[in-house]
N, C-alpha and C. Protein backbone atom coordinates (compact mmCIF):
# COMPACT_ATOMS: atom_id res chain seq x y z
N MET A 1 98.25 105.90 114.29
CA MET A 1 97.92 104.63 114.88
C MET A 1 98.72 104.50 116.17
N PRO A 2 98.04 104.19 117.25
CA PRO A 2 98.73 104.16 118.53
C PRO A 2 99.72 103.02 118.63
N SER A 3 100.78 103.29 119.38
CA SER A 3 101.75 102.25 119.67
C SER A 3 101.24 101.43 120.83
N HIS A 4 101.61 100.20 120.87
CA HIS A 4 101.19 99.35 121.97
C HIS A 4 102.36 99.11 122.92
N HIS A 5 103.00 100.21 123.31
CA HIS A 5 104.07 100.12 124.29
C HIS A 5 103.42 100.08 125.66
N GLY A 6 103.86 99.23 126.48
CA GLY A 6 103.28 99.15 127.81
C GLY A 6 103.19 97.70 128.24
N ILE A 7 102.17 97.40 129.01
CA ILE A 7 102.03 96.07 129.58
C ILE A 7 100.73 95.43 129.10
N ILE A 8 100.66 94.15 129.27
CA ILE A 8 99.43 93.42 129.01
C ILE A 8 98.81 93.15 130.38
N PHE A 9 97.58 93.60 130.57
CA PHE A 9 96.90 93.42 131.85
C PHE A 9 95.59 92.70 131.60
N GLN A 10 95.42 91.55 132.17
CA GLN A 10 94.24 90.72 132.03
C GLN A 10 93.85 90.54 130.56
N GLY A 11 94.88 90.26 129.72
CA GLY A 11 94.65 90.01 128.30
C GLY A 11 94.42 91.25 127.46
N GLN A 12 94.51 92.42 128.05
CA GLN A 12 94.30 93.67 127.32
C GLN A 12 95.62 94.43 127.19
N ALA A 13 95.85 95.00 126.01
CA ALA A 13 97.05 95.81 125.81
C ALA A 13 96.82 97.19 126.41
N CYS A 14 97.76 97.63 127.18
CA CYS A 14 97.71 98.97 127.75
C CYS A 14 98.64 99.86 126.93
N ILE A 15 98.12 100.96 126.43
CA ILE A 15 98.90 101.85 125.58
C ILE A 15 99.57 102.91 126.45
N ASP A 16 100.85 103.08 126.24
CA ASP A 16 101.60 104.11 126.95
C ASP A 16 101.37 105.44 126.22
N ILE A 17 100.58 106.30 126.80
CA ILE A 17 100.19 107.56 126.17
C ILE A 17 101.41 108.45 125.93
N LYS A 18 102.33 108.52 126.87
CA LYS A 18 103.51 109.38 126.70
C LYS A 18 104.33 108.94 125.49
N VAL A 19 104.52 107.64 125.31
CA VAL A 19 105.28 107.13 124.16
C VAL A 19 104.52 107.42 122.86
N THR A 20 103.22 107.21 122.88
CA THR A 20 102.40 107.46 121.69
C THR A 20 102.47 108.93 121.29
N VAL A 21 102.35 109.84 122.25
CA VAL A 21 102.44 111.27 121.96
C VAL A 21 103.81 111.62 121.40
N THR A 22 104.85 111.07 121.98
CA THR A 22 106.21 111.35 121.50
C THR A 22 106.38 110.87 120.06
N GLU A 23 105.89 109.68 119.74
CA GLU A 23 106.04 109.12 118.40
C GLU A 23 105.26 109.91 117.35
N HIS A 24 104.16 110.53 117.73
CA HIS A 24 103.28 111.17 116.76
C HIS A 24 103.15 112.68 116.95
N LYS A 25 104.14 113.30 117.61
CA LYS A 25 104.00 114.72 117.94
C LYS A 25 103.91 115.63 116.72
N GLN A 26 104.47 115.22 115.57
CA GLN A 26 104.39 116.07 114.38
C GLN A 26 102.99 116.10 113.77
N ILE A 27 102.22 115.03 113.94
CA ILE A 27 100.90 114.98 113.30
C ILE A 27 99.75 115.32 114.24
N ILE A 28 100.00 115.38 115.53
CA ILE A 28 98.94 115.64 116.50
C ILE A 28 98.15 116.92 116.20
N PRO A 29 98.81 118.03 115.86
CA PRO A 29 98.02 119.25 115.59
C PRO A 29 97.10 119.14 114.37
N HIS A 30 97.33 118.16 113.51
CA HIS A 30 96.59 118.05 112.26
C HIS A 30 95.62 116.86 112.21
N ILE A 31 95.65 116.01 113.21
CA ILE A 31 94.91 114.75 113.15
C ILE A 31 93.39 114.98 113.13
N LEU A 32 92.87 115.90 113.89
CA LEU A 32 91.42 116.13 113.90
C LEU A 32 90.93 116.67 112.55
N ALA A 33 91.67 117.61 111.99
CA ALA A 33 91.30 118.15 110.68
C ALA A 33 91.36 117.06 109.62
N ALA A 34 92.37 116.21 109.69
CA ALA A 34 92.51 115.13 108.71
C ALA A 34 91.37 114.14 108.82
N TYR A 35 91.00 113.78 110.03
CA TYR A 35 89.88 112.85 110.22
C TYR A 35 88.57 113.46 109.75
N ALA A 36 88.36 114.74 110.05
CA ALA A 36 87.14 115.40 109.60
C ALA A 36 87.07 115.47 108.08
N LEU A 37 88.20 115.78 107.46
CA LEU A 37 88.24 115.91 106.00
C LEU A 37 88.08 114.57 105.30
N SER A 38 88.71 113.54 105.82
CA SER A 38 88.70 112.23 105.15
C SER A 38 87.50 111.37 105.51
N GLY A 39 86.78 111.74 106.55
CA GLY A 39 85.63 110.94 106.95
C GLY A 39 86.02 109.70 107.71
N CYS A 40 87.12 109.74 108.41
CA CYS A 40 87.59 108.56 109.13
C CYS A 40 86.92 108.36 110.48
N GLY A 41 85.96 109.15 110.80
CA GLY A 41 85.26 109.00 112.06
C GLY A 41 83.87 108.45 111.84
N THR A 42 82.90 109.26 112.17
CA THR A 42 81.51 108.80 112.07
C THR A 42 80.77 109.41 110.88
N VAL A 43 81.47 110.16 110.05
CA VAL A 43 80.84 110.75 108.87
C VAL A 43 81.14 109.89 107.64
N ALA A 44 80.53 110.22 106.52
CA ALA A 44 80.75 109.45 105.30
C ALA A 44 82.24 109.44 104.95
N GLN A 45 82.75 108.28 104.67
CA GLN A 45 84.17 108.12 104.39
C GLN A 45 84.44 108.23 102.90
N CYS A 46 85.57 108.80 102.55
CA CYS A 46 86.00 108.84 101.15
C CYS A 46 86.36 107.43 100.71
N CYS A 47 86.02 107.10 99.50
CA CYS A 47 86.24 105.75 98.99
C CYS A 47 87.71 105.37 99.03
N GLY A 48 88.02 104.32 99.75
CA GLY A 48 89.38 103.79 99.79
C GLY A 48 90.34 104.51 100.72
N ILE A 49 89.87 105.50 101.45
CA ILE A 49 90.74 106.25 102.36
C ILE A 49 90.36 105.88 103.79
N GLY A 50 91.27 105.26 104.49
CA GLY A 50 91.03 104.87 105.87
C GLY A 50 91.99 105.55 106.82
N ARG A 51 91.92 105.19 108.06
CA ARG A 51 92.78 105.80 109.08
C ARG A 51 94.26 105.62 108.77
N GLY A 52 94.62 104.44 108.31
CA GLY A 52 96.03 104.18 108.01
C GLY A 52 96.56 105.10 106.93
N THR A 53 95.77 105.31 105.89
CA THR A 53 96.19 106.20 104.81
C THR A 53 96.35 107.63 105.31
N VAL A 54 95.40 108.08 106.11
CA VAL A 54 95.44 109.45 106.64
C VAL A 54 96.69 109.65 107.49
N VAL A 55 96.98 108.72 108.37
CA VAL A 55 98.17 108.85 109.23
C VAL A 55 99.44 108.82 108.38
N LYS A 56 99.48 107.94 107.39
CA LYS A 56 100.65 107.85 106.50
C LYS A 56 100.87 109.17 105.76
N VAL A 57 99.80 109.77 105.25
CA VAL A 57 99.90 111.05 104.54
C VAL A 57 100.35 112.16 105.48
N LEU A 58 99.82 112.18 106.69
CA LEU A 58 100.26 113.18 107.67
C LEU A 58 101.74 113.01 108.00
N LYS A 59 102.16 111.77 108.22
CA LYS A 59 103.57 111.52 108.56
C LYS A 59 104.50 111.87 107.41
N ALA A 60 103.99 111.87 106.19
CA ALA A 60 104.79 112.23 105.02
C ALA A 60 104.95 113.75 104.90
N GLY A 61 104.32 114.50 105.81
CA GLY A 61 104.49 115.94 105.82
C GLY A 61 103.35 116.74 105.22
N ASN A 62 102.28 116.08 104.84
CA ASN A 62 101.10 116.77 104.32
C ASN A 62 100.26 117.21 105.50
N THR A 63 100.29 118.48 105.82
CA THR A 63 99.62 118.97 107.02
C THR A 63 98.41 119.83 106.67
N LEU A 64 97.61 120.10 107.66
CA LEU A 64 96.37 120.87 107.51
C LEU A 64 96.31 122.00 108.54
N PRO A 65 97.27 122.92 108.54
CA PRO A 65 97.29 123.94 109.58
C PRO A 65 96.18 124.98 109.48
N ASN A 66 95.54 125.11 108.32
CA ASN A 66 94.53 126.15 108.16
C ASN A 66 93.10 125.70 108.38
N ILE A 67 92.86 124.41 108.36
CA ILE A 67 91.50 123.93 108.62
C ILE A 67 91.23 124.14 110.10
N GLY A 68 90.21 124.89 110.40
CA GLY A 68 89.90 125.24 111.78
C GLY A 68 90.49 126.57 112.20
N ASN A 69 91.33 127.15 111.36
CA ASN A 69 91.92 128.46 111.65
C ASN A 69 90.97 129.53 111.13
N VAL A 70 90.31 130.25 112.02
CA VAL A 70 89.32 131.24 111.62
C VAL A 70 89.94 132.42 110.87
N MET A 71 91.23 132.59 110.97
CA MET A 71 91.91 133.70 110.28
C MET A 71 92.33 133.32 108.85
N ALA A 72 92.27 132.05 108.51
CA ALA A 72 92.69 131.61 107.18
C ALA A 72 91.61 131.91 106.15
N SER A 73 92.04 132.21 104.94
CA SER A 73 91.07 132.48 103.88
C SER A 73 90.43 131.17 103.41
N LYS A 74 89.22 131.30 102.91
CA LYS A 74 88.51 130.12 102.41
C LYS A 74 89.30 129.46 101.28
N ALA A 75 89.87 130.26 100.39
CA ALA A 75 90.64 129.73 99.27
C ALA A 75 91.83 128.91 99.76
N LYS A 76 92.51 129.38 100.79
CA LYS A 76 93.67 128.66 101.33
C LYS A 76 93.23 127.34 101.97
N VAL A 77 92.13 127.35 102.70
CA VAL A 77 91.63 126.14 103.35
C VAL A 77 91.23 125.10 102.29
N VAL A 78 90.52 125.54 101.26
CA VAL A 78 90.07 124.63 100.21
C VAL A 78 91.27 124.05 99.46
N GLN A 79 92.25 124.88 99.13
CA GLN A 79 93.44 124.39 98.42
C GLN A 79 94.21 123.39 99.29
N GLU A 80 94.33 123.68 100.56
CA GLU A 80 95.02 122.77 101.49
C GLU A 80 94.29 121.43 101.57
N ALA A 81 92.99 121.48 101.68
CA ALA A 81 92.18 120.26 101.75
C ALA A 81 92.29 119.46 100.46
N THR A 82 92.27 120.16 99.33
CA THR A 82 92.38 119.50 98.03
C THR A 82 93.73 118.79 97.89
N CYS A 83 94.80 119.47 98.27
CA CYS A 83 96.14 118.86 98.19
C CYS A 83 96.25 117.66 99.13
N PHE A 84 95.65 117.77 100.31
CA PHE A 84 95.69 116.65 101.26
C PHE A 84 94.96 115.44 100.70
N MET A 85 93.78 115.65 100.16
CA MET A 85 93.01 114.54 99.60
C MET A 85 93.72 113.95 98.39
N ALA A 86 94.36 114.79 97.59
CA ALA A 86 95.14 114.29 96.45
C ALA A 86 96.25 113.37 96.94
N ALA A 87 96.92 113.76 98.01
CA ALA A 87 97.98 112.92 98.58
C ALA A 87 97.39 111.61 99.09
N CYS A 88 96.21 111.65 99.68
CA CYS A 88 95.57 110.43 100.17
C CYS A 88 95.27 109.46 99.03
N TYR A 89 94.93 109.99 97.88
CA TYR A 89 94.64 109.15 96.72
C TYR A 89 95.89 108.84 95.89
N GLY A 90 97.05 109.31 96.35
CA GLY A 90 98.29 109.00 95.66
C GLY A 90 98.52 109.81 94.40
N GLU A 91 97.81 110.90 94.27
CA GLU A 91 97.96 111.77 93.09
C GLU A 91 99.29 112.52 93.18
N LYS A 92 100.07 112.44 92.14
CA LYS A 92 101.36 113.15 92.12
C LYS A 92 101.19 114.62 91.71
N ASN A 93 100.29 114.86 90.76
CA ASN A 93 100.04 116.23 90.29
C ASN A 93 98.96 116.86 91.16
N LYS A 94 99.26 118.02 91.68
CA LYS A 94 98.28 118.70 92.54
C LYS A 94 97.14 119.23 91.67
N PRO A 95 95.91 118.84 91.97
CA PRO A 95 94.77 119.31 91.18
C PRO A 95 94.46 120.77 91.49
N SER A 96 93.85 121.44 90.52
CA SER A 96 93.50 122.85 90.72
C SER A 96 92.28 123.00 91.63
N THR A 97 91.38 122.02 91.58
CA THR A 97 90.16 122.07 92.40
C THR A 97 89.82 120.68 92.90
N MET A 98 88.95 120.62 93.90
CA MET A 98 88.49 119.33 94.42
C MET A 98 87.69 118.60 93.33
N THR A 99 86.97 119.35 92.51
CA THR A 99 86.21 118.73 91.42
C THR A 99 87.16 118.05 90.43
N ALA A 100 88.26 118.70 90.10
CA ALA A 100 89.24 118.10 89.19
C ALA A 100 89.81 116.82 89.80
N LEU A 101 90.07 116.84 91.11
CA LEU A 101 90.57 115.64 91.79
C LEU A 101 89.54 114.52 91.72
N ARG A 102 88.28 114.84 92.04
CA ARG A 102 87.22 113.84 91.99
C ARG A 102 87.11 113.22 90.60
N GLU A 103 87.16 114.06 89.58
CA GLU A 103 87.05 113.56 88.21
C GLU A 103 88.19 112.61 87.88
N ARG A 104 89.41 112.95 88.29
CA ARG A 104 90.56 112.07 88.01
C ARG A 104 90.42 110.74 88.76
N VAL A 105 90.03 110.82 90.03
CA VAL A 105 89.90 109.60 90.83
C VAL A 105 88.76 108.73 90.29
N TRP A 106 87.62 109.32 90.00
CA TRP A 106 86.47 108.56 89.50
C TRP A 106 86.76 107.96 88.13
N LYS A 107 87.45 108.71 87.29
CA LYS A 107 87.78 108.20 85.96
C LYS A 107 88.66 106.96 86.10
N TYR A 108 89.64 107.03 86.99
CA TYR A 108 90.51 105.87 87.23
C TYR A 108 89.71 104.71 87.80
N ASP A 109 88.88 104.98 88.80
CA ASP A 109 88.09 103.92 89.43
C ASP A 109 87.15 103.25 88.45
N TRP A 110 86.50 104.05 87.62
CA TRP A 110 85.53 103.48 86.68
C TRP A 110 86.19 102.73 85.54
N GLN A 111 87.48 102.94 85.34
CA GLN A 111 88.20 102.19 84.32
C GLN A 111 88.89 100.96 84.91
N SER A 112 88.85 100.83 86.22
CA SER A 112 89.53 99.70 86.85
C SER A 112 88.78 98.40 86.56
N GLU A 113 89.49 97.33 86.70
CA GLU A 113 88.93 96.00 86.40
C GLU A 113 87.70 95.70 87.25
N TYR A 114 87.71 96.14 88.52
CA TYR A 114 86.59 95.88 89.42
C TYR A 114 85.31 96.50 88.88
N PHE A 115 85.38 97.79 88.53
CA PHE A 115 84.18 98.46 88.06
C PHE A 115 83.74 97.98 86.69
N VAL A 116 84.69 97.64 85.83
CA VAL A 116 84.33 97.12 84.51
C VAL A 116 83.55 95.82 84.67
N SER A 117 84.00 94.95 85.58
CA SER A 117 83.29 93.69 85.80
C SER A 117 81.92 93.94 86.42
N CYS A 118 81.81 94.94 87.29
CA CYS A 118 80.51 95.28 87.88
C CYS A 118 79.55 95.79 86.82
N LYS A 119 80.04 96.67 85.96
CA LYS A 119 79.18 97.24 84.92
C LYS A 119 78.68 96.16 83.97
N THR A 120 79.55 95.22 83.60
CA THR A 120 79.13 94.19 82.65
C THR A 120 78.22 93.17 83.31
N SER A 121 78.38 92.96 84.63
CA SER A 121 77.54 91.98 85.31
C SER A 121 76.12 92.49 85.54
N VAL A 122 75.92 93.80 85.54
CA VAL A 122 74.57 94.32 85.76
C VAL A 122 73.93 94.80 84.46
N THR A 123 74.60 94.65 83.35
CA THR A 123 74.03 95.06 82.06
C THR A 123 72.92 94.09 81.69
N PRO A 124 71.72 94.61 81.38
CA PRO A 124 70.61 93.73 81.01
C PRO A 124 70.95 92.94 79.75
N SER A 125 70.53 91.70 79.72
CA SER A 125 70.84 90.84 78.56
C SER A 125 69.59 90.55 77.75
N ASN A 126 68.73 91.54 77.60
CA ASN A 126 67.48 91.36 76.83
C ASN A 126 67.75 91.26 75.36
């Protein structure tokens, strides 16, 4: 998330690019891969994962150096992506596969109060 260091000009905040780059230099090499993986741009977004979460996870040291690296093995890229998404969802245990992660997240979501109330509200009362 950009810093708003700089001046206000005609009611608009001017962002100091040099300060922003300095503050975020550790995550800059990974930000495009993270946005592509999490869907924080114009693609379908992962449920509950927004830009703030992605930046927070990157700043916590969860990086994506192999996504986009043509020399990296597919297995390494998939494992890296799976661990990153697990961190985005707050999973402490690293899942073995993306499917295992999805199952854990969906199981939790479907047991949450929100989904229970949705399921009971759409149940036919015939």
